[in-house]
Protein backbone atom coordinates (compact mmCIF):
# COMPACT_ATOMS: atom_id res chain seq x y z
CA UNK A 1 0.00 0.00 0.00
CA UNK A 2 2.84 2.37 0.84
CA UNK A 3 4.67 1.76 -2.44
CA UNK A 4 1.46 2.09 -4.48
CA UNK A 5 0.69 5.36 -2.72
CA UNK A 6 4.19 6.72 -3.39
CA UNK A 7 3.87 5.75 -7.06
CA UNK A 8 0.54 7.55 -7.31
CA UNK A 9 -1.46 4.35 -7.80
CA UNK A 10 -4.90 3.76 -6.40
CA UNK A 11 -4.68 0.50 -4.41
CA UNK A 12 -6.78 -1.24 -1.80
CA UNK A 13 -5.70 -3.63 0.93
CA UNK A 14 -7.63 -6.85 1.49
CA UNK A 15 -7.52 -9.01 4.58
CA UNK A 16 -6.23 -12.56 4.13
CA UNK A 17 -7.09 -15.82 5.84
CA UNK A 18 -4.76 -15.96 8.91
CA UNK A 19 -4.34 -19.77 8.92
CA UNK A 20 -0.96 -21.44 8.32
CA UNK A 21 -0.39 -23.20 5.02
CA UNK A 22 2.03 -26.03 4.23
CA UNK A 23 5.41 -24.51 3.37
CA UNK A 24 4.50 -21.12 4.84
CA UNK A 25 7.65 -20.92 6.97
CA UNK A 26 9.84 -21.51 3.90
CA UNK A 27 8.02 -18.82 1.88
CA UNK A 28 8.11 -16.32 4.74
CA UNK A 29 11.87 -16.87 5.19
CA UNK A 30 12.43 -16.50 1.43
CA UNK A 31 10.47 -13.22 1.43
CA UNK A 32 12.49 -11.84 4.35
CA UNK A 33 15.75 -12.65 2.54
CA UNK A 34 14.43 -11.16 -0.71
CA UNK A 35 13.51 -7.90 1.03
CA UNK A 36 16.94 -7.75 2.68
CA UNK A 37 18.63 -8.33 -0.69
CA UNK A 38 16.55 -5.58 -2.33
CA UNK A 39 17.32 -3.20 0.53
CA UNK A 40 21.07 -3.75 0.10
CA UNK A 41 20.77 -3.34 -3.69
CA UNK A 42 18.99 0.00 -3.15
CA UNK A 43 21.92 1.21 -1.05
CA UNK A 44 24.79 0.03 -3.28
CA UNK A 45 23.00 0.32 -6.67
CA UNK A 46 25.05 -2.27 -8.59
CA UNK A 47 25.24 -2.08 -12.37
CA UNK A 48 22.68 -4.35 -14.04
CA UNK A 49 23.85 -7.51 -15.78
CA UNK A 50 22.22 -8.96 -18.87
CA UNK A 51 22.47 -12.47 -20.23
CA UNK A 52 22.01 -11.64 -23.88
CA UNK A 53 21.13 -9.08 -26.49
CA UNK A 54 18.49 -6.47 -25.78
CA UNK A 55 15.06 -7.51 -27.04
CA UNK A 56 12.78 -4.60 -27.96
CA UNK A 57 9.28 -4.65 -26.50
CA UNK A 58 7.79 -3.34 -29.73
CA UNK A 59 6.98 -5.64 -32.64
CA UNK A 60 5.27 -9.01 -32.85
CA UNK A 61 7.54 -10.99 -30.50
CA UNK A 62 8.92 -13.46 -33.09
CA UNK A 63 12.46 -12.72 -31.90
CA UNK A 64 11.75 -14.79 -28.76
CA UNK A 65 10.53 -17.89 -30.67
CA UNK A 66 12.76 -20.96 -30.83
CA UNK A 67 14.62 -21.35 -34.11
CA UNK A 68 13.56 -24.83 -35.15
PDB file of N, CA and C in Angstrom:
ATOM      1  N   UNK A   1       0.828  -1.171   0.000  1.00  0.00           N
ATOM      2  CA  UNK A   1       0.000   0.000   0.000  1.00  0.00           C
ATOM      3  C   UNK A   1       0.885   1.252   0.000  1.00  0.00           C
ATOM      4  N   UNK A   2       1.939   1.214   0.771  1.00  0.00           N
ATOM      5  CA  UNK A   2       2.842   2.365   0.844  1.00  0.00           C
ATOM      6  C   UNK A   2       3.476   2.649  -0.523  1.00  0.00           C
ATOM      7  N   UNK A   3       3.999   1.594  -1.151  1.00  0.00           N
ATOM      8  CA  UNK A   3       4.666   1.760  -2.442  1.00  0.00           C
ATOM      9  C   UNK A   3       3.667   2.247  -3.485  1.00  0.00           C
ATOM     10  N   UNK A   4       2.480   1.665  -3.516  1.00  0.00           N
ATOM     11  CA  UNK A   4       1.465   2.087  -4.475  1.00  0.00           C
ATOM     12  C   UNK A   4       1.126   3.553  -4.267  1.00  0.00           C
ATOM     13  N   UNK A   5       0.996   3.956  -3.029  1.00  0.00           N
ATOM     14  CA  UNK A   5       0.686   5.355  -2.718  1.00  0.00           C
ATOM     15  C   UNK A   5       1.802   6.275  -3.218  1.00  0.00           C
ATOM     16  N   UNK A   6       3.052   5.900  -2.963  1.00  0.00           N
ATOM     17  CA  UNK A   6       4.193   6.719  -3.390  1.00  0.00           C
ATOM     18  C   UNK A   6       4.314   6.783  -4.914  1.00  0.00           C
ATOM     19  N   UNK A   7       3.837   5.750  -5.604  1.00  0.00           N
ATOM     20  CA  UNK A   7       3.871   5.746  -7.063  1.00  0.00           C
ATOM     21  C   UNK A   7       2.638   6.406  -7.675  1.00  0.00           C
ATOM     22  N   UNK A   8       1.731   6.878  -6.830  1.00  0.00           N
ATOM     23  CA  UNK A   8       0.539   7.553  -7.313  1.00  0.00           C
ATOM     24  C   UNK A   8      -0.532   6.604  -7.820  1.00  0.00           C
ATOM     25  N   UNK A   9      -0.480   5.346  -7.372  1.00  0.00           N
ATOM     26  CA  UNK A   9      -1.458   4.353  -7.804  1.00  0.00           C
ATOM     27  C   UNK A   9      -2.590   4.249  -6.789  1.00  0.00           C
ATOM     28  N   UNK A  10      -3.770   3.979  -7.283  1.00  0.00           N
ATOM     29  CA  UNK A  10      -4.903   3.757  -6.400  1.00  0.00           C
ATOM     30  C   UNK A  10      -4.949   2.272  -6.072  1.00  0.00           C
ATOM     31  N   UNK A  11      -4.732   1.908  -4.814  1.00  0.00           N
ATOM     32  CA  UNK A  11      -4.677   0.503  -4.415  1.00  0.00           C
ATOM     33  C   UNK A  11      -5.487   0.310  -3.146  1.00  0.00           C
ATOM     34  N   UNK A  12      -5.979  -0.905  -2.963  1.00  0.00           N
ATOM     35  CA  UNK A  12      -6.784  -1.239  -1.796  1.00  0.00           C
ATOM     36  C   UNK A  12      -6.212  -2.478  -1.133  1.00  0.00           C
ATOM     37  N   UNK A  13      -6.149  -2.470   0.187  1.00  0.00           N
ATOM     38  CA  UNK A  13      -5.697  -3.634   0.929  1.00  0.00           C
ATOM     39  C   UNK A  13      -6.864  -4.556   1.225  1.00  0.00           C
ATOM     40  N   UNK A  14      -6.604  -5.851   1.224  1.00  0.00           N
ATOM     41  CA  UNK A  14      -7.634  -6.848   1.488  1.00  0.00           C
ATOM     42  C   UNK A  14      -7.111  -7.804   2.541  1.00  0.00           C
ATOM     43  N   UNK A  15      -7.910  -8.076   3.531  1.00  0.00           N
ATOM     44  CA  UNK A  15      -7.518  -9.012   4.582  1.00  0.00           C
ATOM     45  C   UNK A  15      -7.382 -10.420   4.027  1.00  0.00           C
ATOM     46  N   UNK A  16      -6.456 -11.188   4.573  1.00  0.00           N
ATOM     47  CA  UNK A  16      -6.230 -12.562   4.132  1.00  0.00           C
ATOM     48  C   UNK A  16      -6.557 -13.530   5.252  1.00  0.00           C
ATOM     49  N   UNK A  17      -6.812 -14.766   4.883  1.00  0.00           N
ATOM     50  CA  UNK A  17      -7.086 -15.819   5.840  1.00  0.00           C
ATOM     51  C   UNK A  17      -5.839 -16.031   6.707  1.00  0.00           C
ATOM     52  N   UNK A  18      -5.945 -15.901   8.042  1.00  0.00           N
ATOM     53  CA  UNK A  18      -4.757 -15.961   8.906  1.00  0.00           C
ATOM     54  C   UNK A  18      -4.228 -17.370   9.186  1.00  0.00           C
ATOM     55  N   UNK A  19      -4.810 -18.411   8.605  1.00  0.00           N
ATOM     56  CA  UNK A  19      -4.337 -19.771   8.922  1.00  0.00           C
ATOM     57  C   UNK A  19      -2.970 -20.042   8.297  1.00  0.00           C
ATOM     58  N   UNK A  20      -2.283 -21.031   8.824  1.00  0.00           N
ATOM     59  CA  UNK A  20      -0.964 -21.436   8.321  1.00  0.00           C
ATOM     60  C   UNK A  20      -1.149 -22.451   7.194  1.00  0.00           C
ATOM     61  N   UNK A  21      -0.366 -22.284   6.150  1.00  0.00           N
ATOM     62  CA  UNK A  21      -0.390 -23.199   5.019  1.00  0.00           C
ATOM     63  C   UNK A  21       0.883 -24.028   5.013  1.00  0.00           C
ATOM     64  N   UNK A  22       0.852 -25.181   4.360  1.00  0.00           N
ATOM     65  CA  UNK A  22       2.033 -26.031   4.232  1.00  0.00           C
ATOM     66  C   UNK A  22       3.104 -25.252   3.478  1.00  0.00           C
ATOM     67  N   UNK A  23       4.313 -25.215   4.017  1.00  0.00           N
ATOM     68  CA  UNK A  23       5.411 -24.506   3.373  1.00  0.00           C
ATOM     69  C   UNK A  23       5.434 -23.019   3.667  1.00  0.00           C
ATOM     70  N   UNK A  24       4.569 -22.548   4.548  1.00  0.00           N
ATOM     71  CA  UNK A  24       4.497 -21.116   4.835  1.00  0.00           C
ATOM     72  C   UNK A  24       5.785 -20.590   5.455  1.00  0.00           C
ATOM     73  N   UNK A  25       6.409 -21.370   6.326  1.00  0.00           N
ATOM     74  CA  UNK A  25       7.652 -20.925   6.966  1.00  0.00           C
ATOM     75  C   UNK A  25       8.742 -20.712   5.928  1.00  0.00           C
ATOM     76  N   UNK A  26       8.845 -21.639   4.972  1.00  0.00           N
ATOM     77  CA  UNK A  26       9.840 -21.514   3.904  1.00  0.00           C
ATOM     78  C   UNK A  26       9.592 -20.237   3.096  1.00  0.00           C
ATOM     79  N   UNK A  27       8.342 -20.010   2.691  1.00  0.00           N
ATOM     80  CA  UNK A  27       8.017 -18.822   1.879  1.00  0.00           C
ATOM     81  C   UNK A  27       8.247 -17.527   2.653  1.00  0.00           C
ATOM     82  N   UNK A  28       7.894 -17.522   3.925  1.00  0.00           N
ATOM     83  CA  UNK A  28       8.111 -16.322   4.738  1.00  0.00           C
ATOM     84  C   UNK A  28       9.600 -16.025   4.879  1.00  0.00           C
ATOM     85  N   UNK A  29      10.412 -17.052   5.086  1.00  0.00           N
ATOM     86  CA  UNK A  29      11.866 -16.871   5.186  1.00  0.00           C
ATOM     87  C   UNK A  29      12.430 -16.358   3.869  1.00  0.00           C
ATOM     88  N   UNK A  30      11.972 -16.930   2.751  1.00  0.00           N
ATOM     89  CA  UNK A  30      12.425 -16.496   1.426  1.00  0.00           C
ATOM     90  C   UNK A  30      12.076 -15.027   1.198  1.00  0.00           C
ATOM     91  N   UNK A  31      10.886 -14.610   1.603  1.00  0.00           N
ATOM     92  CA  UNK A  31      10.468 -13.222   1.425  1.00  0.00           C
ATOM     93  C   UNK A  31      11.310 -12.264   2.281  1.00  0.00           C
ATOM     94  N   UNK A  32      11.641 -12.673   3.492  1.00  0.00           N
ATOM     95  CA  UNK A  32      12.488 -11.843   4.352  1.00  0.00           C
ATOM     96  C   UNK A  32      13.851 -11.647   3.706  1.00  0.00           C
ATOM     97  N   UNK A  33      14.445 -12.741   3.196  1.00  0.00           N
ATOM     98  CA  UNK A  33      15.745 -12.645   2.544  1.00  0.00           C
ATOM     99  C   UNK A  33      15.672 -11.817   1.267  1.00  0.00           C
ATOM    100  N   UNK A  34      14.584 -11.936   0.526  1.00  0.00           N
ATOM    101  CA  UNK A  34      14.426 -11.162  -0.710  1.00  0.00           C
ATOM    102  C   UNK A  34      14.333  -9.668  -0.394  1.00  0.00           C
ATOM    103  N   UNK A  35      13.603  -9.316   0.645  1.00  0.00           N
ATOM    104  CA  UNK A  35      13.506  -7.898   1.031  1.00  0.00           C
ATOM    105  C   UNK A  35      14.857  -7.362   1.479  1.00  0.00           C
ATOM    106  N   UNK A  36      15.601  -8.168   2.242  1.00  0.00           N
ATOM    107  CA  UNK A  36      16.939  -7.746   2.681  1.00  0.00           C
ATOM    108  C   UNK A  36      17.854  -7.530   1.477  1.00  0.00           C
ATOM    109  N   UNK A  37      17.802  -8.451   0.515  1.00  0.00           N
ATOM    110  CA  UNK A  37      18.625  -8.325  -0.689  1.00  0.00           C
ATOM    111  C   UNK A  37      18.262  -7.049  -1.453  1.00  0.00           C
ATOM    112  N   UNK A  38      16.973  -6.781  -1.612  1.00  0.00           N
ATOM    113  CA  UNK A  38      16.552  -5.582  -2.334  1.00  0.00           C
ATOM    114  C   UNK A  38      16.954  -4.312  -1.589  1.00  0.00           C
ATOM    115  N   UNK A  39      16.905  -4.346  -0.270  1.00  0.00           N
ATOM    116  CA  UNK A  39      17.320  -3.196   0.530  1.00  0.00           C
ATOM    117  C   UNK A  39      18.794  -2.886   0.293  1.00  0.00           C
ATOM    118  N   UNK A  40      19.626  -3.935   0.325  1.00  0.00           N
ATOM    119  CA  UNK A  40      21.068  -3.755   0.097  1.00  0.00           C
ATOM    120  C   UNK A  40      21.323  -3.248  -1.316  1.00  0.00           C
ATOM    121  N   UNK A  41      20.591  -3.776  -2.301  1.00  0.00           N
ATOM    122  CA  UNK A  41      20.765  -3.336  -3.687  1.00  0.00           C
ATOM    123  C   UNK A  41      20.368  -1.867  -3.844  1.00  0.00           C
ATOM    124  N   UNK A  42      19.384  -1.411  -3.095  1.00  0.00           N
ATOM    125  CA  UNK A  42      18.987   0.002  -3.155  1.00  0.00           C
ATOM    126  C   UNK A  42      20.088   0.906  -2.597  1.00  0.00           C
ATOM    127  N   UNK A  43      20.837   0.416  -1.637  1.00  0.00           N
ATOM    128  CA  UNK A  43      21.918   1.209  -1.047  1.00  0.00           C
ATOM    129  C   UNK A  43      23.126   1.260  -1.979  1.00  0.00           C
ATOM    130  N   UNK A  44      23.557   0.097  -2.484  1.00  0.00           N
ATOM    131  CA  UNK A  44      24.788   0.029  -3.276  1.00  0.00           C
ATOM    132  C   UNK A  44      24.576   0.264  -4.771  1.00  0.00           C
ATOM    133  N   UNK A  45      23.362   0.093  -5.273  1.00  0.00           N
ATOM    134  CA  UNK A  45      23.001   0.323  -6.674  1.00  0.00           C
ATOM    135  C   UNK A  45      24.000  -0.298  -7.648  1.00  0.00           C
ATOM    136  N   UNK A  46      24.101  -1.632  -7.664  1.00  0.00           N
ATOM    137  CA  UNK A  46      25.048  -2.273  -8.587  1.00  0.00           C
ATOM    138  C   UNK A  46      24.604  -2.095 -10.035  1.00  0.00           C
ATOM    139  N   UNK A  47      25.573  -2.158 -10.950  1.00  0.00           N
ATOM    140  CA  UNK A  47      25.242  -2.076 -12.370  1.00  0.00           C
ATOM    141  C   UNK A  47      24.467  -3.325 -12.770  1.00  0.00           C
ATOM    142  N   UNK A  48      23.449  -3.187 -13.621  1.00  0.00           N
ATOM    143  CA  UNK A  48      22.679  -4.353 -14.043  1.00  0.00           C
ATOM    144  C   UNK A  48      23.509  -5.268 -14.944  1.00  0.00           C
ATOM    145  N   UNK A  49      23.206  -6.547 -14.903  1.00  0.00           N
ATOM    146  CA  UNK A  49      23.855  -7.513 -15.785  1.00  0.00           C
ATOM    147  C   UNK A  49      22.784  -8.134 -16.673  1.00  0.00           C
ATOM    148  N   UNK A  50      23.155  -8.382 -17.907  1.00  0.00           N
ATOM    149  CA  UNK A  50      22.218  -8.960 -18.869  1.00  0.00           C
ATOM    150  C   UNK A  50      22.824 -10.225 -19.442  1.00  0.00           C
ATOM    151  N   UNK A  51      21.994 -11.184 -19.740  1.00  0.00           N
ATOM    152  CA  UNK A  51      22.471 -12.468 -20.226  1.00  0.00           C
ATOM    153  C   UNK A  51      22.302 -12.619 -21.735  1.00  0.00           C
ATOM    154  N   UNK A  52      22.169 -11.542 -22.440  1.00  0.00           N
ATOM    155  CA  UNK A  52      22.007 -11.642 -23.881  1.00  0.00           C
ATOM    156  C   UNK A  52      21.755 -10.286 -24.503  1.00  0.00           C
ATOM    157  N   UNK A  53      21.417 -10.315 -25.773  1.00  0.00           N
ATOM    158  CA  UNK A  53      21.125  -9.076 -26.489  1.00  0.00           C
ATOM    159  C   UNK A  53      19.824  -8.470 -25.993  1.00  0.00           C
ATOM    160  N   UNK A  54      19.717  -7.166 -26.144  1.00  0.00           N
ATOM    161  CA  UNK A  54      18.491  -6.468 -25.777  1.00  0.00           C
ATOM    162  C   UNK A  54      17.387  -6.847 -26.747  1.00  0.00           C
ATOM    163  N   UNK A  55      16.218  -7.172 -26.217  1.00  0.00           N
ATOM    164  CA  UNK A  55      15.063  -7.513 -27.044  1.00  0.00           C
ATOM    165  C   UNK A  55      14.061  -6.367 -26.922  1.00  0.00           C
ATOM    166  N   UNK A  56      13.722  -5.711 -28.032  1.00  0.00           N
ATOM    167  CA  UNK A  56      12.777  -4.597 -27.958  1.00  0.00           C
ATOM    168  C   UNK A  56      11.375  -5.090 -27.594  1.00  0.00           C
ATOM    169  N   UNK A  57      10.635  -4.267 -26.883  1.00  0.00           N
ATOM    170  CA  UNK A  57       9.282  -4.647 -26.497  1.00  0.00           C
ATOM    171  C   UNK A  57       8.267  -4.332 -27.593  1.00  0.00           C
ATOM    172  N   UNK A  58       8.688  -3.619 -28.619  1.00  0.00           N
ATOM    173  CA  UNK A  58       7.789  -3.340 -29.733  1.00  0.00           C
ATOM    174  C   UNK A  58       7.904  -4.465 -30.759  1.00  0.00           C
ATOM    175  N   UNK A  59       6.951  -4.593 -31.618  1.00  0.00           N
ATOM    176  CA  UNK A  59       6.985  -5.637 -32.641  1.00  0.00           C
ATOM    177  C   UNK A  59       6.077  -6.787 -32.284  1.00  0.00           C
ATOM    178  N   UNK A  60       6.194  -7.892 -33.030  1.00  0.00           N
ATOM    179  CA  UNK A  60       5.272  -9.012 -32.847  1.00  0.00           C
ATOM    180  C   UNK A  60       5.795 -10.104 -31.913  1.00  0.00           C
ATOM    181  N   UNK A  61       7.017 -10.032 -31.453  1.00  0.00           N
ATOM    182  CA  UNK A  61       7.544 -10.988 -30.497  1.00  0.00           C
ATOM    183  C   UNK A  61       8.195 -12.216 -31.107  1.00  0.00           C
ATOM    184  N   UNK A  62       8.307 -12.293 -32.452  1.00  0.00           N
ATOM    185  CA  UNK A  62       8.916 -13.462 -33.086  1.00  0.00           C
ATOM    186  C   UNK A  62      10.371 -13.652 -32.692  1.00  0.00           C
ATOM    187  N   UNK A  63      11.044 -12.610 -32.265  1.00  0.00           N
ATOM    188  CA  UNK A  63      12.457 -12.717 -31.901  1.00  0.00           C
ATOM    189  C   UNK A  63      12.650 -13.686 -30.722  1.00  0.00           C
ATOM    190  N   UNK A  64      11.629 -13.908 -29.908  1.00  0.00           N
ATOM    191  CA  UNK A  64      11.753 -14.795 -28.762  1.00  0.00           C
ATOM    192  C   UNK A  64      11.372 -16.234 -29.071  1.00  0.00           C
ATOM    193  N   UNK A  65      10.902 -16.523 -30.288  1.00  0.00           N
ATOM    194  CA  UNK A  65      10.534 -17.885 -30.668  1.00  0.00           C
ATOM    195  C   UNK A  65      11.781 -18.738 -30.865  1.00  0.00           C
ATOM    196  N   UNK A  66      11.652 -20.037 -30.579  1.00  0.00           N
ATOM    197  CA  UNK A  66      12.756 -20.965 -30.826  1.00  0.00           C
ATOM    198  C   UNK A  66      13.005 -21.068 -32.317  1.00  0.00           C
ATOM    199  N   UNK A  67      14.257 -21.228 -32.693  1.00  0.00           N
ATOM    200  CA  UNK A  67      14.620 -21.352 -34.105  1.00  0.00           C
ATOM    201  C   UNK A  67      14.709 -22.808 -34.509  1.00  0.00           C
ATOM    202  N   UNK A  68      13.587 -23.424 -34.754  1.00  0.00           N
ATOM    203  CA  UNK A  68      13.559 -24.835 -35.152  1.00  0.00           C
ATOM    204  C   UNK A  68      12.905 -24.996 -36.494  1.00  0.00           C
TER     205      UNK A  68
END
